[in-house]
Amino acid sequence: MTKLRLLFLVLLFCPPPAAAQNDHVRIAEENAPAVVAVNVVKKDGSTFTGTGFVVTPDGLIATSRHVSADALYINITFNNGAVSGEAVGVAAAGNVDLSLLKISARNLPYVTLGDSDTVLPGQTITVIGNPRRLQNTISSGLISQVRKKADGVIWHQISAPISPSSSGSPVFDEHGRVISVAFASYKGEGNQNLNFAVPSNYLSELAQAAGYALPSPEEEPRTAGADGNPFISHIKKSWEILKRLVKDL
C-alpha cells in the first residue's frame, strides 16, 4: 500500500505536461457548444451558411461580415441541433470582415477572447468550424505569419484548413481563447493552406463600439463546467489511472 500511496501522491501533485493540459481535445470539448452555424437567406433569394460563435451568454454572436451581408433572414443552429429564432445584425466593421448578430437567449455557452496583440508566428492554434456544413469540425495548425496590410490592418495567416462555410470560425490559442476569426483563403492550383483570419482585438473593438460588454478572460470557463478546469481534469485522470493500476495488482 505504501507504493500505491506514493503513486497517488505523484499523480495528484505533479502537474501534467503543458501539452496535455492545453491540447486540441480539451479546447474542443470546452468551446464546441458555443460554435454555431449561421444560416442566411440573402435578399436575392440565395442561401448561405457560415460559422459563428457566441461571445456573451445572452446571445451576442460573432461571424464574418460577408456571411451576414445582404441578409433577408438569419437564424442560428447550435451543435446540439437546436435552432434559434431570427438573428438580427447589430454591428458590422468597416475595415475588417467582422459582424455581430443578436438572438434572444439566456445562459448560452460562450467563448472568451484573448489578446491578439500577443500572437506570434509559429504558435499552435485550434479552429472549430462548419466546412461544407459539417458542423463542429476541429482542425489544427499554426499562426503562419502576422501580416500588416498597406492600410495598416493586421491579418493572421494560418495553416489550419479553411473551406466554404467556415467563414466566421473562431481560432483558439493553446489556452482556449479566441485570438482571431477565419474569413478567407487563397484558392487555386498549387495553393495549400494559405488562409487568413481577423485578429480578435478588432472584434473586441467592434463590440465595445456597439455598446456590448464582453466577459473578461479572468472569468471562469464557460462551457464545460468543472471539466474545463485543468486541475480538476488532472485529478479525474489521475483517479482513473490509479483505479486501473489497483485492478491490475
Protein backbone atom coordinates (compact mmCIF):
# COMPACT_ATOMS: atom_id res chain seq x y z
CA MET A 1 0.00 0.00 0.00
CA THR A 2 2.97 2.32 0.57
CA LYS A 3 3.80 2.19 -3.13
CA LEU A 4 0.19 2.93 -4.01
CA ARG A 5 0.13 5.96 -1.72
CA LEU A 6 3.34 7.22 -3.28
CA LEU A 7 1.97 6.72 -6.78
CA PHE A 8 -1.23 8.53 -5.90
CA LEU A 9 0.70 11.50 -4.48
CA VAL A 10 2.84 11.70 -7.62
CA LEU A 11 -0.23 11.64 -9.86
CA LEU A 12 -2.03 14.14 -7.68
CA PHE A 13 0.60 16.79 -7.17
CA CYS A 14 2.81 16.52 -10.24
CA PRO A 15 1.06 18.58 -12.91
CA PRO A 16 0.61 17.02 -16.33
CA PRO A 17 2.72 18.38 -19.18
CA ALA A 18 1.54 21.66 -20.65
CA ALA A 19 0.78 19.92 -23.94
CA ALA A 20 -1.59 17.56 -22.15
CA GLN A 21 -3.36 20.39 -20.37
CA ASN A 22 -3.72 22.57 -23.44
CA ASP A 23 -4.49 20.10 -26.22
CA HIS A 24 -6.96 20.28 -29.06
CA VAL A 25 -9.32 17.80 -27.41
CA ARG A 26 -9.79 19.94 -24.30
CA ILE A 27 -10.23 23.11 -26.32
CA ALA A 28 -12.85 21.42 -28.49
CA GLU A 29 -14.74 20.00 -25.50
CA GLU A 30 -14.85 23.36 -23.75
CA ASN A 31 -15.76 25.51 -26.73
CA ALA A 32 -17.65 23.46 -29.32
CA PRO A 33 -21.06 24.16 -27.70
CA ALA A 34 -20.50 27.87 -28.33
CA VAL A 35 -19.69 27.47 -32.04
CA VAL A 36 -22.73 27.73 -34.32
CA ALA A 37 -23.87 27.55 -37.91
CA VAL A 38 -25.15 30.86 -39.29
CA ASN A 39 -27.93 30.16 -41.80
CA VAL A 40 -28.68 33.05 -44.15
CA VAL A 41 -31.29 33.75 -46.79
CA LYS A 42 -29.95 36.55 -48.97
CA LYS A 43 -32.06 39.31 -50.47
CA ASP A 44 -31.62 37.78 -53.93
CA GLY A 45 -33.18 34.52 -52.70
CA SER A 46 -29.93 32.55 -52.45
CA THR A 47 -28.94 30.74 -49.27
CA PHE A 48 -25.62 30.76 -47.47
CA THR A 49 -24.19 29.03 -44.40
CA GLY A 50 -21.26 30.31 -42.40
CA THR A 51 -19.83 29.82 -38.95
CA GLY A 52 -20.19 31.96 -35.85
CA PHE A 53 -19.56 31.76 -32.13
CA VAL A 54 -21.32 33.03 -29.04
CA VAL A 55 -19.44 35.78 -27.18
CA THR A 56 -21.98 36.59 -24.43
CA PRO A 57 -24.42 34.31 -22.60
CA ASP A 58 -27.38 36.46 -23.68
CA GLY A 59 -26.94 35.70 -27.37
CA LEU A 60 -24.36 38.01 -28.95
CA ILE A 61 -22.74 36.11 -31.82
CA ALA A 62 -19.67 36.96 -33.87
CA THR A 63 -19.19 35.96 -37.51
CA SER A 64 -17.67 37.27 -40.73
CA ARG A 65 -19.25 40.36 -42.26
CA HIS A 66 -19.65 38.72 -45.67
CA VAL A 67 -21.67 35.90 -44.06
CA SER A 68 -24.42 38.24 -42.86
CA ALA A 69 -24.17 40.87 -45.62
CA ASP A 70 -27.33 41.44 -47.71
CA ALA A 71 -29.31 39.10 -45.48
CA LEU A 72 -33.07 38.91 -45.65
CA TYR A 73 -33.30 36.37 -42.82
CA ILE A 74 -30.78 34.73 -40.46
CA ASN A 75 -31.09 32.03 -37.85
CA ILE A 76 -28.59 30.04 -35.82
CA THR A 77 -28.07 26.29 -35.44
CA PHE A 78 -26.27 25.07 -32.31
CA ASN A 79 -24.18 21.90 -32.18
CA ASN A 80 -26.97 20.06 -30.33
CA GLY A 81 -29.32 20.68 -33.24
CA ALA A 82 -31.30 23.50 -31.59
CA VAL A 83 -32.30 26.31 -33.95
CA SER A 84 -32.76 29.88 -32.77
CA GLY A 85 -35.39 32.38 -33.76
CA GLU A 86 -34.39 35.16 -36.10
CA ALA A 87 -30.92 36.61 -35.62
CA VAL A 88 -30.59 40.37 -36.04
CA GLY A 89 -27.46 42.13 -37.24
CA VAL A 90 -26.37 44.69 -34.66
CA ALA A 91 -22.91 45.78 -35.87
CA ALA A 92 -20.50 45.39 -38.77
CA ALA A 93 -16.91 46.53 -39.01
CA GLY A 94 -15.97 48.86 -41.82
CA ASN A 95 -12.34 47.89 -42.27
CA VAL A 96 -12.30 44.15 -41.45
CA ASP A 97 -14.54 41.19 -42.24
CA LEU A 98 -16.46 41.01 -38.94
CA SER A 99 -20.05 41.42 -37.82
CA LEU A 100 -22.15 40.87 -34.72
CA LEU A 101 -25.56 39.21 -34.58
CA LYS A 102 -28.02 39.03 -31.69
CA ILE A 103 -30.57 36.39 -30.79
CA SER A 104 -32.95 36.32 -27.85
CA ALA A 105 -31.43 33.85 -25.40
CA ARG A 106 -30.13 33.35 -21.87
CA ASN A 107 -27.36 31.29 -20.27
CA LEU A 108 -25.72 30.25 -23.54
CA PRO A 109 -22.25 28.70 -23.61
CA TYR A 110 -19.77 31.28 -24.86
CA VAL A 111 -16.11 31.69 -25.71
CA THR A 112 -13.57 34.06 -24.22
CA LEU A 113 -11.47 36.37 -26.37
CA GLY A 114 -7.70 36.56 -26.00
CA ASP A 115 -5.35 39.44 -26.69
CA SER A 116 -4.43 39.16 -30.36
CA ASP A 117 -1.61 41.68 -29.96
CA THR A 118 0.41 38.91 -28.26
CA VAL A 119 0.07 36.44 -31.15
CA LEU A 120 3.36 35.22 -32.64
CA PRO A 121 4.19 33.30 -35.81
CA GLY A 122 4.63 29.60 -35.13
CA GLN A 123 2.22 29.27 -32.22
CA THR A 124 -0.27 26.41 -32.20
CA ILE A 125 -3.94 27.02 -32.97
CA THR A 126 -7.21 25.10 -32.94
CA VAL A 127 -10.08 26.01 -35.25
CA ILE A 128 -13.71 24.94 -34.84
CA GLY A 129 -15.90 25.49 -37.87
CA ASN A 130 -18.51 24.13 -40.27
CA PRO A 131 -16.67 23.36 -43.54
CA ARG A 132 -19.15 22.29 -46.22
CA ARG A 133 -21.78 22.45 -43.45
CA LEU A 134 -20.08 19.66 -41.49
CA GLN A 135 -20.82 21.25 -38.14
CA ASN A 136 -18.22 21.44 -35.37
CA THR A 137 -15.25 20.23 -37.41
CA ILE A 138 -12.00 20.52 -35.46
CA SER A 139 -8.78 21.38 -37.26
CA SER A 140 -5.35 22.43 -36.08
CA GLY A 141 -2.40 24.36 -37.38
CA LEU A 142 -0.10 27.27 -36.74
CA ILE A 143 -0.07 31.02 -37.00
CA SER A 144 1.95 31.06 -40.20
CA GLN A 145 2.57 34.80 -40.06
CA VAL A 146 1.19 38.07 -38.72
CA ARG A 147 0.77 40.32 -41.73
CA LYS A 148 0.21 44.07 -41.89
CA LYS A 149 -1.58 45.33 -44.97
CA ALA A 150 -0.84 48.63 -46.69
CA ASP A 151 -3.83 50.23 -44.95
CA GLY A 152 -2.46 49.21 -41.55
CA VAL A 153 -4.95 46.40 -40.94
CA ILE A 154 -3.46 43.25 -39.39
CA TRP A 155 -4.26 39.76 -40.70
CA HIS A 156 -3.28 36.42 -39.23
CA GLN A 157 -2.09 33.97 -41.86
CA ILE A 158 -2.97 30.47 -40.58
CA SER A 159 -2.15 26.95 -41.75
CA ALA A 160 -5.34 25.30 -40.43
CA PRO A 161 -7.56 24.19 -43.34
CA ILE A 162 -10.44 26.57 -44.12
CA SER A 163 -13.22 25.50 -46.52
CA PRO A 164 -16.51 27.05 -47.69
CA SER A 165 -18.96 27.58 -44.80
CA SER A 166 -16.02 28.03 -42.40
CA SER A 167 -16.06 31.83 -42.66
CA GLY A 168 -16.50 33.16 -39.14
CA SER A 169 -14.80 30.22 -37.43
CA PRO A 170 -13.07 31.02 -34.13
CA VAL A 171 -9.32 30.45 -34.00
CA PHE A 172 -8.20 29.42 -30.49
CA ASP A 173 -4.79 29.71 -28.89
CA GLU A 174 -3.31 26.98 -26.69
CA HIS A 175 -5.24 28.34 -23.69
CA GLY A 176 -8.60 28.02 -25.43
CA ARG A 177 -9.10 31.75 -26.05
CA VAL A 178 -10.19 33.16 -29.40
CA ILE A 179 -7.34 35.09 -30.96
CA SER A 180 -8.79 35.54 -34.45
CA VAL A 181 -11.72 34.84 -36.77
CA ALA A 182 -11.14 32.91 -40.01
CA PHE A 183 -12.58 34.59 -43.09
CA ALA A 184 -10.69 33.80 -46.31
CA SER A 185 -8.27 31.55 -48.14
CA TYR A 186 -6.26 31.69 -51.34
CA LYS A 187 -7.71 29.21 -53.80
CA GLY A 188 -6.17 27.85 -56.95
CA GLU A 189 -3.82 25.15 -58.14
CA GLY A 190 -0.65 24.95 -56.10
CA ASN A 191 -2.02 26.87 -53.10
CA GLN A 192 -2.02 24.89 -49.87
CA ASN A 193 -3.36 26.13 -46.54
CA LEU A 194 -2.96 29.80 -47.32
CA ASN A 195 -5.73 31.01 -45.05
CA PHE A 196 -6.42 34.25 -43.21
CA ALA A 197 -8.14 35.41 -40.06
CA VAL A 198 -9.07 38.72 -38.46
CA PRO A 199 -7.39 39.33 -35.06
CA SER A 200 -9.76 39.18 -32.08
CA ASN A 201 -8.91 42.67 -30.85
CA TYR A 202 -10.84 44.06 -33.83
CA LEU A 203 -13.84 42.08 -32.58
CA SER A 204 -13.43 43.49 -29.07
CA GLU A 205 -13.35 47.00 -30.52
CA LEU A 206 -16.45 46.32 -32.63
CA ALA A 207 -18.41 45.03 -29.62
CA GLN A 208 -17.34 47.97 -27.48
CA ALA A 209 -18.31 50.47 -30.18
CA ALA A 210 -21.72 48.80 -30.45
CA GLY A 211 -22.24 49.09 -26.69
CA TYR A 212 -21.71 45.46 -25.72
CA ALA A 213 -19.53 44.38 -22.79
CA LEU A 214 -17.74 41.08 -23.38
CA PRO A 215 -16.83 38.75 -20.50
CA SER A 216 -13.25 39.14 -19.34
CA PRO A 217 -10.66 36.37 -19.77
CA GLU A 218 -10.34 36.15 -15.98
CA GLU A 219 -13.84 34.73 -15.60
CA GLU A 220 -14.46 31.01 -15.08
CA PRO A 221 -14.64 28.59 -18.04
CA ARG A 222 -17.97 28.96 -19.80
CA THR A 223 -18.97 25.72 -21.47
CA ALA A 224 -17.75 22.52 -19.90
CA GLY A 225 -18.32 23.02 -16.19
CA ALA A 226 -15.71 21.74 -13.77
CA ASP A 227 -14.03 19.66 -16.50
CA GLY A 228 -12.85 22.92 -18.06
CA ASN A 229 -10.54 23.38 -15.07
CA PRO A 230 -7.17 21.73 -15.89
CA PHE A 231 -6.53 20.82 -12.22
CA ILE A 232 -9.92 19.13 -11.83
CA SER A 233 -9.40 17.34 -15.12
CA HIS A 234 -5.98 16.18 -13.93
CA ILE A 235 -7.44 14.85 -10.66
CA LYS A 236 -10.04 12.85 -12.59
CA LYS A 237 -7.44 11.41 -14.95
CA SER A 238 -5.18 10.56 -12.01
CA TRP A 239 -8.01 8.75 -10.25
CA GLU A 240 -8.80 6.71 -13.36
CA ILE A 241 -5.14 5.74 -13.75
CA LEU A 242 -4.94 4.75 -10.08
CA LYS A 243 -8.06 2.58 -10.33
CA ARG A 244 -6.61 0.75 -13.33
CA LEU A 245 -3.32 0.15 -11.52
CA VAL A 246 -5.06 -1.18 -8.41
CA LYS A 247 -7.18 -3.50 -10.55
CA ASP A 248 -4.04 -4.90 -12.19
CA LEU A 249 -2.36 -5.69 -8.84
